[in-house]
N, C-alpha and C. Protein backbone atom coordinates (compact mmCIF):
# COMPACT_ATOMS: atom_id res chain seq x y z
N UNK A 1 39.51 35.41 -10.78
CA UNK A 1 38.90 34.17 -11.21
C UNK A 1 37.88 34.47 -12.30
N UNK A 2 37.82 33.61 -13.29
CA UNK A 2 36.89 33.82 -14.39
C UNK A 2 35.50 33.33 -14.02
N UNK A 3 34.53 33.71 -14.81
CA UNK A 3 33.15 33.27 -14.61
C UNK A 3 33.07 31.75 -14.72
N UNK A 4 33.81 31.18 -15.69
CA UNK A 4 33.80 29.72 -15.88
C UNK A 4 34.33 29.01 -14.64
N UNK A 5 35.42 29.48 -14.08
CA UNK A 5 35.98 28.80 -12.91
C UNK A 5 35.09 28.99 -11.69
N UNK A 6 34.44 30.15 -11.55
CA UNK A 6 33.48 30.35 -10.46
C UNK A 6 32.32 29.38 -10.58
N UNK A 7 31.80 29.24 -11.78
CA UNK A 7 30.68 28.32 -12.02
C UNK A 7 31.11 26.88 -11.73
N UNK A 8 32.33 26.51 -12.16
CA UNK A 8 32.83 25.17 -11.92
C UNK A 8 32.93 24.90 -10.42
N UNK A 9 33.43 25.87 -9.65
CA UNK A 9 33.55 25.71 -8.19
C UNK A 9 32.18 25.55 -7.54
N UNK A 10 31.21 26.34 -7.98
CA UNK A 10 29.86 26.26 -7.42
C UNK A 10 29.24 24.91 -7.73
N UNK A 11 29.36 24.46 -8.97
CA UNK A 11 28.79 23.17 -9.37
C UNK A 11 29.46 22.02 -8.63
N UNK A 12 30.79 22.09 -8.49
CA UNK A 12 31.51 21.04 -7.77
C UNK A 12 31.08 21.00 -6.31
N UNK A 13 30.98 22.17 -5.68
CA UNK A 13 30.55 22.23 -4.29
C UNK A 13 29.14 21.67 -4.14
N UNK A 14 28.22 22.03 -5.03
CA UNK A 14 26.84 21.51 -4.99
C UNK A 14 26.83 20.00 -5.13
N UNK A 15 27.67 19.47 -6.01
CA UNK A 15 27.73 18.03 -6.25
C UNK A 15 28.23 17.31 -4.99
N UNK A 16 29.25 17.87 -4.33
CA UNK A 16 29.79 17.27 -3.10
C UNK A 16 28.73 17.27 -2.01
N UNK A 17 28.01 18.38 -1.85
CA UNK A 17 26.95 18.46 -0.84
C UNK A 17 25.86 17.43 -1.14
N UNK A 18 25.50 17.28 -2.40
CA UNK A 18 24.48 16.29 -2.79
C UNK A 18 24.93 14.89 -2.44
N UNK A 19 26.18 14.55 -2.73
CA UNK A 19 26.70 13.22 -2.43
C UNK A 19 26.70 12.98 -0.92
N UNK A 20 27.16 13.96 -0.15
CA UNK A 20 27.19 13.82 1.30
C UNK A 20 25.79 13.67 1.87
N UNK A 21 24.84 14.46 1.37
CA UNK A 21 23.46 14.37 1.84
C UNK A 21 22.87 13.01 1.52
N UNK A 22 23.11 12.52 0.32
CA UNK A 22 22.56 11.22 -0.09
C UNK A 22 23.13 10.10 0.76
N UNK A 23 24.43 10.15 1.05
CA UNK A 23 25.00 9.07 1.84
C UNK A 23 24.50 9.10 3.27
N UNK A 24 24.32 10.29 3.86
CA UNK A 24 23.79 10.35 5.22
C UNK A 24 22.34 9.91 5.25
N UNK A 25 21.57 10.20 4.21
CA UNK A 25 20.19 9.75 4.14
C UNK A 25 20.13 8.23 4.10
N UNK A 26 21.00 7.61 3.31
CA UNK A 26 21.01 6.15 3.23
C UNK A 26 21.35 5.53 4.58
N UNK A 27 22.25 6.17 5.33
CA UNK A 27 22.61 5.64 6.64
C UNK A 27 21.45 5.77 7.62
N UNK A 28 20.71 6.89 7.57
CA UNK A 28 19.61 7.11 8.48
C UNK A 28 18.40 6.25 8.13
N UNK A 29 18.17 6.03 6.86
CA UNK A 29 16.98 5.31 6.41
C UNK A 29 17.38 4.10 5.59
N UNK A 30 17.74 2.99 6.24
CA UNK A 30 18.25 1.83 5.53
C UNK A 30 17.25 1.21 4.56
N UNK A 31 15.95 1.36 4.80
CA UNK A 31 14.97 0.76 3.90
C UNK A 31 15.00 1.43 2.53
N UNK A 32 15.41 2.69 2.46
CA UNK A 32 15.53 3.38 1.17
C UNK A 32 16.62 2.72 0.32
N UNK A 33 17.72 2.38 0.94
CA UNK A 33 18.86 1.82 0.23
C UNK A 33 18.62 0.37 -0.15
N UNK A 34 18.02 -0.40 0.72
CA UNK A 34 17.90 -1.84 0.52
C UNK A 34 16.51 -2.31 0.13
N UNK A 35 15.60 -1.39 -0.17
CA UNK A 35 14.24 -1.75 -0.55
C UNK A 35 13.55 -2.60 0.51
N UNK A 36 13.76 -2.29 1.76
CA UNK A 36 13.15 -3.04 2.85
C UNK A 36 11.66 -2.70 2.91
N UNK A 37 10.81 -3.72 3.06
CA UNK A 37 9.38 -3.47 3.14
C UNK A 37 8.85 -3.58 4.57
N UNK A 38 9.68 -3.99 5.49
CA UNK A 38 9.32 -4.05 6.90
C UNK A 38 10.36 -3.21 7.65
N UNK A 39 9.91 -2.38 8.59
CA UNK A 39 10.85 -1.52 9.30
C UNK A 39 10.35 -1.29 10.72
N UNK A 40 10.95 -1.97 11.69
CA UNK A 40 10.73 -1.71 13.11
C UNK A 40 9.27 -1.44 13.47
N UNK A 41 8.39 -2.40 13.21
CA UNK A 41 6.99 -2.26 13.57
C UNK A 41 6.12 -1.61 12.53
N UNK A 42 6.65 -1.43 11.33
CA UNK A 42 5.91 -0.78 10.25
C UNK A 42 5.96 -1.63 8.99
N UNK A 43 4.97 -1.45 8.11
CA UNK A 43 4.98 -2.05 6.78
C UNK A 43 5.03 -0.94 5.74
N UNK A 44 5.81 -1.15 4.71
CA UNK A 44 5.94 -0.18 3.62
C UNK A 44 4.69 -0.20 2.77
N UNK A 45 4.09 0.98 2.52
CA UNK A 45 2.89 1.07 1.69
C UNK A 45 3.18 1.58 0.29
N UNK A 46 4.38 2.05 0.03
CA UNK A 46 4.71 2.54 -1.30
C UNK A 46 4.93 4.04 -1.31
N UNK A 47 5.09 4.57 -2.53
CA UNK A 47 5.32 6.00 -2.74
C UNK A 47 4.26 6.53 -3.68
N UNK A 48 3.93 7.81 -3.51
CA UNK A 48 2.89 8.43 -4.33
C UNK A 48 3.22 9.90 -4.50
N UNK A 49 3.08 10.39 -5.71
CA UNK A 49 3.28 11.81 -5.98
C UNK A 49 1.92 12.44 -6.20
N UNK A 50 1.54 13.38 -5.35
CA UNK A 50 0.21 13.98 -5.40
C UNK A 50 -0.01 14.67 -6.74
N UNK A 51 0.89 15.54 -7.12
CA UNK A 51 0.80 16.26 -8.40
C UNK A 51 2.20 16.43 -8.96
N UNK A 52 2.27 16.57 -10.27
CA UNK A 52 3.55 16.81 -10.93
C UNK A 52 4.21 18.04 -10.30
N UNK A 53 5.49 17.92 -10.00
CA UNK A 53 6.23 19.04 -9.43
C UNK A 53 6.15 19.12 -7.91
N UNK A 54 5.34 18.27 -7.29
CA UNK A 54 5.27 18.23 -5.83
C UNK A 54 6.04 17.03 -5.32
N UNK A 55 6.30 16.98 -4.02
CA UNK A 55 7.11 15.87 -3.50
C UNK A 55 6.44 14.51 -3.70
N UNK A 56 7.26 13.49 -3.82
CA UNK A 56 6.78 12.11 -3.85
C UNK A 56 6.84 11.63 -2.41
N UNK A 57 5.68 11.31 -1.83
CA UNK A 57 5.61 10.85 -0.45
C UNK A 57 5.86 9.36 -0.37
N UNK A 58 6.54 8.94 0.66
CA UNK A 58 6.72 7.53 0.98
C UNK A 58 5.90 7.26 2.23
N UNK A 59 5.18 6.14 2.24
CA UNK A 59 4.26 5.83 3.33
C UNK A 59 4.65 4.54 4.04
N UNK A 60 4.60 4.55 5.36
CA UNK A 60 4.75 3.35 6.18
C UNK A 60 3.56 3.31 7.14
N UNK A 61 2.95 2.12 7.29
CA UNK A 61 1.83 1.97 8.22
C UNK A 61 2.27 1.14 9.42
N UNK A 62 1.78 1.54 10.59
CA UNK A 62 2.14 0.82 11.82
C UNK A 62 1.48 -0.54 11.85
N UNK A 63 2.12 -1.46 12.54
CA UNK A 63 1.54 -2.80 12.73
C UNK A 63 0.73 -2.87 14.02
N UNK A 64 0.88 -1.86 14.87
CA UNK A 64 0.18 -1.83 16.16
C UNK A 64 -0.59 -0.53 16.30
N UNK A 65 -1.61 -0.57 17.15
CA UNK A 65 -2.39 0.63 17.44
C UNK A 65 -1.81 1.32 18.68
N UNK A 66 -1.82 2.65 18.63
CA UNK A 66 -1.42 3.46 19.79
C UNK A 66 -2.38 4.64 19.86
N UNK A 67 -2.41 5.40 20.97
CA UNK A 67 -3.24 6.60 21.01
C UNK A 67 -2.84 7.56 19.88
N UNK A 68 -3.83 8.10 19.21
CA UNK A 68 -3.57 8.99 18.07
C UNK A 68 -2.66 10.13 18.49
N UNK A 69 -2.87 10.67 19.68
CA UNK A 69 -2.05 11.79 20.15
C UNK A 69 -0.56 11.44 20.22
N UNK A 70 -0.23 10.16 20.36
CA UNK A 70 1.18 9.73 20.40
C UNK A 70 1.74 9.48 19.00
N UNK A 71 0.88 9.26 18.03
CA UNK A 71 1.34 8.93 16.67
C UNK A 71 2.08 10.09 16.02
N UNK A 72 1.70 11.32 16.35
CA UNK A 72 2.38 12.48 15.77
C UNK A 72 3.88 12.42 16.05
N UNK A 73 4.22 12.24 17.32
CA UNK A 73 5.63 12.19 17.72
C UNK A 73 6.35 10.97 17.19
N UNK A 74 5.64 9.85 17.09
CA UNK A 74 6.26 8.62 16.61
C UNK A 74 6.72 8.78 15.16
N UNK A 75 5.91 9.41 14.33
CA UNK A 75 6.31 9.61 12.92
C UNK A 75 7.53 10.52 12.83
N UNK A 76 7.58 11.51 13.69
CA UNK A 76 8.72 12.42 13.68
C UNK A 76 9.99 11.72 14.13
N UNK A 77 9.92 10.94 15.21
CA UNK A 77 11.13 10.30 15.72
C UNK A 77 11.57 9.10 14.88
N UNK A 78 10.64 8.34 14.34
CA UNK A 78 11.00 7.15 13.56
C UNK A 78 11.49 7.49 12.16
N UNK A 79 10.84 8.47 11.51
CA UNK A 79 11.12 8.72 10.10
C UNK A 79 11.48 10.17 9.79
N UNK A 80 11.50 11.03 10.81
CA UNK A 80 11.62 12.46 10.58
C UNK A 80 10.55 12.89 9.59
N UNK A 81 9.35 12.33 9.77
CA UNK A 81 8.24 12.57 8.87
C UNK A 81 7.04 13.12 9.61
N UNK A 82 5.90 12.96 8.99
CA UNK A 82 4.66 13.48 9.57
C UNK A 82 3.58 12.41 9.50
N UNK A 83 2.55 12.61 10.30
CA UNK A 83 1.39 11.74 10.26
C UNK A 83 0.65 12.00 8.95
N UNK A 84 -0.05 11.01 8.45
CA UNK A 84 -0.73 11.07 7.17
C UNK A 84 -1.52 12.36 6.98
N UNK A 85 -1.23 13.07 5.89
CA UNK A 85 -1.92 14.28 5.50
C UNK A 85 -2.40 14.07 4.07
N UNK A 86 -3.71 14.14 3.85
CA UNK A 86 -4.28 13.82 2.54
C UNK A 86 -4.68 15.12 1.84
N UNK A 87 -4.03 15.39 0.71
CA UNK A 87 -4.26 16.64 0.01
C UNK A 87 -5.26 16.55 -1.14
N UNK A 88 -5.42 15.36 -1.74
CA UNK A 88 -6.27 15.23 -2.92
C UNK A 88 -7.08 13.94 -2.88
N UNK A 89 -8.09 13.88 -3.73
CA UNK A 89 -8.90 12.67 -3.86
C UNK A 89 -8.03 11.50 -4.33
N UNK A 90 -7.10 11.78 -5.23
CA UNK A 90 -6.22 10.73 -5.75
C UNK A 90 -5.36 10.13 -4.64
N UNK A 91 -4.84 10.98 -3.78
CA UNK A 91 -4.03 10.49 -2.66
C UNK A 91 -4.91 9.70 -1.68
N UNK A 92 -6.12 10.18 -1.45
CA UNK A 92 -7.06 9.47 -0.57
C UNK A 92 -7.35 8.07 -1.12
N UNK A 93 -7.58 7.97 -2.42
CA UNK A 93 -7.85 6.67 -3.04
C UNK A 93 -6.63 5.76 -2.98
N UNK A 94 -5.45 6.33 -3.18
CA UNK A 94 -4.21 5.55 -3.09
C UNK A 94 -4.08 4.96 -1.69
N UNK A 95 -4.26 5.80 -0.67
CA UNK A 95 -4.15 5.34 0.72
C UNK A 95 -5.20 4.27 1.00
N UNK A 96 -6.42 4.48 0.54
CA UNK A 96 -7.50 3.50 0.75
C UNK A 96 -7.12 2.14 0.19
N UNK A 97 -6.63 2.12 -1.04
CA UNK A 97 -6.24 0.85 -1.66
C UNK A 97 -5.07 0.20 -0.93
N UNK A 98 -4.10 0.99 -0.53
CA UNK A 98 -2.93 0.44 0.17
C UNK A 98 -3.34 -0.14 1.53
N UNK A 99 -4.27 0.51 2.21
CA UNK A 99 -4.75 -0.02 3.49
C UNK A 99 -5.44 -1.36 3.27
N UNK A 100 -6.21 -1.46 2.19
CA UNK A 100 -6.89 -2.72 1.88
C UNK A 100 -5.88 -3.82 1.58
N UNK A 101 -4.87 -3.49 0.78
CA UNK A 101 -3.85 -4.48 0.42
C UNK A 101 -3.09 -4.93 1.65
N UNK A 102 -2.81 -4.00 2.56
CA UNK A 102 -2.07 -4.33 3.78
C UNK A 102 -2.89 -5.21 4.72
N UNK A 103 -4.21 -5.22 4.54
CA UNK A 103 -5.06 -6.09 5.33
C UNK A 103 -5.80 -5.41 6.46
N UNK A 104 -5.42 -4.20 6.81
CA UNK A 104 -6.10 -3.50 7.91
C UNK A 104 -7.54 -3.18 7.52
N UNK A 105 -7.75 -2.84 6.25
CA UNK A 105 -9.09 -2.49 5.79
C UNK A 105 -10.08 -3.64 5.84
N UNK A 106 -9.61 -4.86 5.99
CA UNK A 106 -10.51 -6.01 6.08
C UNK A 106 -11.27 -6.02 7.41
N UNK A 107 -10.73 -5.34 8.41
CA UNK A 107 -11.39 -5.24 9.72
C UNK A 107 -12.22 -3.96 9.74
N UNK A 108 -13.56 -4.07 9.69
CA UNK A 108 -14.40 -2.87 9.62
C UNK A 108 -14.30 -1.98 10.86
N UNK A 109 -13.74 -2.48 11.96
CA UNK A 109 -13.60 -1.66 13.16
C UNK A 109 -12.25 -0.96 13.24
N UNK A 110 -11.32 -1.33 12.37
CA UNK A 110 -9.97 -0.73 12.41
C UNK A 110 -10.02 0.69 11.84
N UNK A 111 -9.27 1.57 12.46
CA UNK A 111 -9.15 2.95 11.98
C UNK A 111 -7.67 3.30 11.86
N UNK A 112 -7.38 4.22 10.96
CA UNK A 112 -6.01 4.68 10.73
C UNK A 112 -5.97 6.19 10.94
N UNK A 113 -5.09 6.64 11.83
CA UNK A 113 -5.00 8.05 12.18
C UNK A 113 -4.43 8.88 11.03
N UNK A 114 -4.89 10.11 10.96
CA UNK A 114 -4.33 11.11 10.04
C UNK A 114 -3.84 12.29 10.90
N UNK A 115 -3.28 13.29 10.24
CA UNK A 115 -2.84 14.50 10.93
C UNK A 115 -3.98 15.51 11.07
N UNK A 116 -5.20 15.11 10.71
CA UNK A 116 -6.34 16.00 10.83
C UNK A 116 -6.79 16.16 12.27
N UNK A 117 -7.03 17.40 12.67
CA UNK A 117 -7.44 17.67 14.05
C UNK A 117 -8.32 18.92 14.08
N UNK A 118 -9.30 18.92 14.98
CA UNK A 118 -10.17 20.08 15.15
C UNK A 118 -9.42 21.17 15.90
N UNK A 119 -9.45 22.39 15.35
CA UNK A 119 -8.81 23.53 16.00
C UNK A 119 -9.90 24.49 16.47
N UNK A 120 -10.26 24.43 17.76
CA UNK A 120 -11.35 25.27 18.26
C UNK A 120 -10.97 26.74 18.44
N UNK A 121 -9.67 27.07 18.40
CA UNK A 121 -9.26 28.46 18.64
C UNK A 121 -9.04 29.25 17.35
N UNK A 122 -9.06 28.58 16.20
CA UNK A 122 -8.94 29.35 14.96
C UNK A 122 -10.24 30.12 14.75
N UNK A 123 -10.19 31.14 13.93
CA UNK A 123 -11.38 31.95 13.69
C UNK A 123 -11.75 31.89 12.21
N UNK A 124 -12.79 31.20 11.84
CA UNK A 124 -13.66 30.38 12.68
C UNK A 124 -13.00 29.04 13.02
N UNK A 125 -13.52 28.33 14.03
CA UNK A 125 -12.98 27.00 14.34
C UNK A 125 -13.07 26.11 13.10
N UNK A 126 -12.09 25.22 12.93
CA UNK A 126 -12.05 24.42 11.70
C UNK A 126 -11.24 23.15 11.90
N UNK A 127 -11.42 22.23 10.94
CA UNK A 127 -10.56 21.06 10.82
C UNK A 127 -9.31 21.52 10.10
N UNK A 128 -8.15 21.09 10.56
CA UNK A 128 -6.91 21.44 9.88
C UNK A 128 -5.89 20.33 10.04
N UNK A 129 -4.86 20.40 9.20
CA UNK A 129 -3.77 19.42 9.24
C UNK A 129 -2.73 19.93 10.23
N UNK A 130 -2.43 19.14 11.25
CA UNK A 130 -1.40 19.54 12.22
C UNK A 130 -0.03 19.58 11.56
N UNK A 131 0.12 18.85 10.47
CA UNK A 131 1.41 18.80 9.77
C UNK A 131 1.71 20.10 9.03
N UNK A 132 0.66 20.82 8.61
CA UNK A 132 0.86 22.06 7.85
C UNK A 132 0.28 23.27 8.56
N UNK A 133 -0.65 23.05 9.48
CA UNK A 133 -1.35 24.16 10.13
C UNK A 133 -2.44 24.75 9.27
N UNK A 134 -2.62 24.19 8.07
CA UNK A 134 -3.61 24.72 7.14
C UNK A 134 -4.92 23.95 7.17
N UNK A 135 -5.99 24.59 6.66
CA UNK A 135 -7.30 23.93 6.62
C UNK A 135 -7.32 22.82 5.56
N UNK A 136 -8.32 21.97 5.66
CA UNK A 136 -8.49 20.92 4.66
C UNK A 136 -8.83 21.56 3.31
N UNK A 137 -8.12 21.17 2.28
CA UNK A 137 -8.45 21.57 0.91
C UNK A 137 -9.38 20.52 0.32
N UNK A 138 -9.15 19.29 0.72
CA UNK A 138 -9.95 18.15 0.29
C UNK A 138 -10.40 17.42 1.56
N UNK A 139 -11.64 16.92 1.57
CA UNK A 139 -12.13 16.12 2.70
C UNK A 139 -13.02 15.01 2.17
N UNK A 140 -13.07 13.90 2.92
CA UNK A 140 -13.88 12.75 2.53
C UNK A 140 -14.58 12.17 3.76
N UNK A 141 -15.28 13.04 4.51
CA UNK A 141 -16.00 12.56 5.68
C UNK A 141 -17.18 11.70 5.25
N UNK A 142 -17.45 10.67 6.03
CA UNK A 142 -18.61 9.81 5.75
C UNK A 142 -19.88 10.67 5.76
N UNK A 143 -20.78 10.35 4.87
CA UNK A 143 -22.02 11.11 4.78
C UNK A 143 -21.90 12.31 3.86
N UNK A 144 -20.68 12.61 3.40
CA UNK A 144 -20.48 13.68 2.43
C UNK A 144 -20.41 15.08 2.98
N UNK A 145 -20.63 15.28 4.28
CA UNK A 145 -20.53 16.61 4.84
C UNK A 145 -19.49 16.62 5.96
N UNK A 146 -18.81 17.73 6.07
CA UNK A 146 -17.80 17.88 7.11
C UNK A 146 -18.50 18.15 8.43
N UNK A 147 -18.33 17.28 9.42
CA UNK A 147 -19.04 17.47 10.69
C UNK A 147 -18.38 18.56 11.52
N UNK A 148 -19.17 19.24 12.35
CA UNK A 148 -18.54 20.16 13.30
C UNK A 148 -17.76 19.33 14.32
N UNK A 149 -16.66 19.85 14.76
CA UNK A 149 -15.83 19.12 15.71
C UNK A 149 -15.91 19.70 17.10
N UNK A 150 -15.23 19.04 18.01
CA UNK A 150 -15.07 19.56 19.36
C UNK A 150 -13.60 19.41 19.73
N UNK A 151 -13.19 20.14 20.74
CA UNK A 151 -11.79 20.10 21.16
C UNK A 151 -11.37 18.66 21.44
N UNK A 152 -10.17 18.32 21.05
CA UNK A 152 -9.63 16.98 21.30
C UNK A 152 -10.07 15.93 20.30
N UNK A 153 -10.60 16.36 19.15
CA UNK A 153 -11.01 15.39 18.14
C UNK A 153 -10.02 15.36 16.99
N UNK A 154 -9.77 14.14 16.51
CA UNK A 154 -8.85 13.89 15.40
C UNK A 154 -9.60 13.16 14.29
N UNK A 155 -9.00 13.13 13.11
CA UNK A 155 -9.60 12.49 11.95
C UNK A 155 -8.92 11.15 11.70
N UNK A 156 -9.73 10.12 11.45
CA UNK A 156 -9.23 8.80 11.09
C UNK A 156 -9.87 8.39 9.77
N UNK A 157 -9.20 7.49 9.06
CA UNK A 157 -9.78 6.87 7.87
C UNK A 157 -10.12 5.44 8.25
N UNK A 158 -11.23 4.95 7.71
CA UNK A 158 -11.66 3.61 8.08
C UNK A 158 -12.62 3.04 7.05
N UNK A 159 -12.88 1.77 7.21
CA UNK A 159 -13.90 1.12 6.41
C UNK A 159 -13.34 0.21 5.36
N UNK A 160 -14.20 -0.68 4.93
CA UNK A 160 -13.84 -1.58 3.85
C UNK A 160 -13.83 -0.80 2.55
N UNK A 161 -13.34 -1.41 1.51
CA UNK A 161 -13.16 -0.75 0.22
C UNK A 161 -14.43 -0.02 -0.24
N UNK A 162 -15.58 -0.65 -0.10
CA UNK A 162 -16.82 -0.05 -0.59
C UNK A 162 -17.41 0.98 0.37
N UNK A 163 -16.91 1.04 1.60
CA UNK A 163 -17.48 1.92 2.61
C UNK A 163 -16.40 2.78 3.27
N UNK A 164 -15.41 3.18 2.50
CA UNK A 164 -14.25 3.90 3.03
C UNK A 164 -14.61 5.37 3.24
N UNK A 165 -14.13 5.96 4.33
CA UNK A 165 -14.34 7.38 4.56
C UNK A 165 -13.62 7.85 5.80
N UNK A 166 -13.76 9.14 6.06
CA UNK A 166 -13.14 9.75 7.22
C UNK A 166 -14.17 9.87 8.34
N UNK A 167 -13.70 9.80 9.56
CA UNK A 167 -14.54 9.99 10.74
C UNK A 167 -13.76 10.81 11.75
N UNK A 168 -14.49 11.43 12.68
CA UNK A 168 -13.82 12.14 13.76
C UNK A 168 -13.98 11.34 15.04
N UNK A 169 -12.87 11.20 15.77
CA UNK A 169 -12.83 10.44 17.02
C UNK A 169 -12.01 11.22 18.04
N UNK A 170 -12.04 10.77 19.27
CA UNK A 170 -11.23 11.38 20.32
C UNK A 170 -9.75 11.12 20.04
N UNK A 171 -8.91 12.12 20.21
CA UNK A 171 -7.47 11.97 19.92
C UNK A 171 -6.78 10.97 20.85
N UNK A 172 -7.43 10.59 21.94
CA UNK A 172 -6.87 9.59 22.84
C UNK A 172 -7.19 8.16 22.42
N UNK A 173 -8.06 8.01 21.39
CA UNK A 173 -8.42 6.67 20.91
C UNK A 173 -7.23 5.96 20.28
N UNK A 174 -7.26 4.64 20.33
CA UNK A 174 -6.22 3.81 19.71
C UNK A 174 -6.47 3.72 18.21
N UNK A 175 -5.40 3.76 17.43
CA UNK A 175 -5.52 3.64 15.98
C UNK A 175 -4.19 3.18 15.39
N UNK A 176 -4.28 2.53 14.24
CA UNK A 176 -3.08 2.34 13.43
C UNK A 176 -2.74 3.73 12.90
N UNK A 177 -1.55 3.90 12.36
CA UNK A 177 -1.21 5.22 11.83
C UNK A 177 -0.24 5.07 10.68
N UNK A 178 -0.30 6.04 9.79
CA UNK A 178 0.58 6.07 8.62
C UNK A 178 1.50 7.27 8.74
N UNK A 179 2.80 6.99 8.62
CA UNK A 179 3.80 8.06 8.58
C UNK A 179 4.16 8.31 7.13
N UNK A 180 4.30 9.56 6.77
CA UNK A 180 4.72 9.90 5.41
C UNK A 180 5.89 10.85 5.48
N UNK A 181 6.77 10.70 4.51
CA UNK A 181 7.95 11.57 4.45
C UNK A 181 8.44 11.63 3.02
């Protein structure tokens, strides 16, 4: 076989795999195909690309509050995704605005769960993203300083547009949650 025919076979095979993957994705996630903005207890918040060359995240926010500790599994089973993980100030601002537009931010007592959790067994103990296992690169805790945590604490975002920030709460607390994938 010539180099040209080998290359043609590889490209054809890649194209077939891409088509099959795309069609199975459309079947699993009907809102992607039909531009659905409501999906089984969730509202579509839009898509955002953190930085050029990185993935474009799609966000859905829950319409109901559940214990934060349950939200991790819900995002995985509903969307094969993860709980909200905020990597940059730009992404934080995007999420803040989308929460306001969705109406949850109008309630000053409402909180939205993230994948942030205190890890008391790391050395040193730290806040980290359960979705990546890594420490926070960016943080926006109220008051401007990252508070020390205790076991069983998770990070939520809350507040009206002018008073938006992160707080630490018990992981058993009820919260809305954002799934990203």
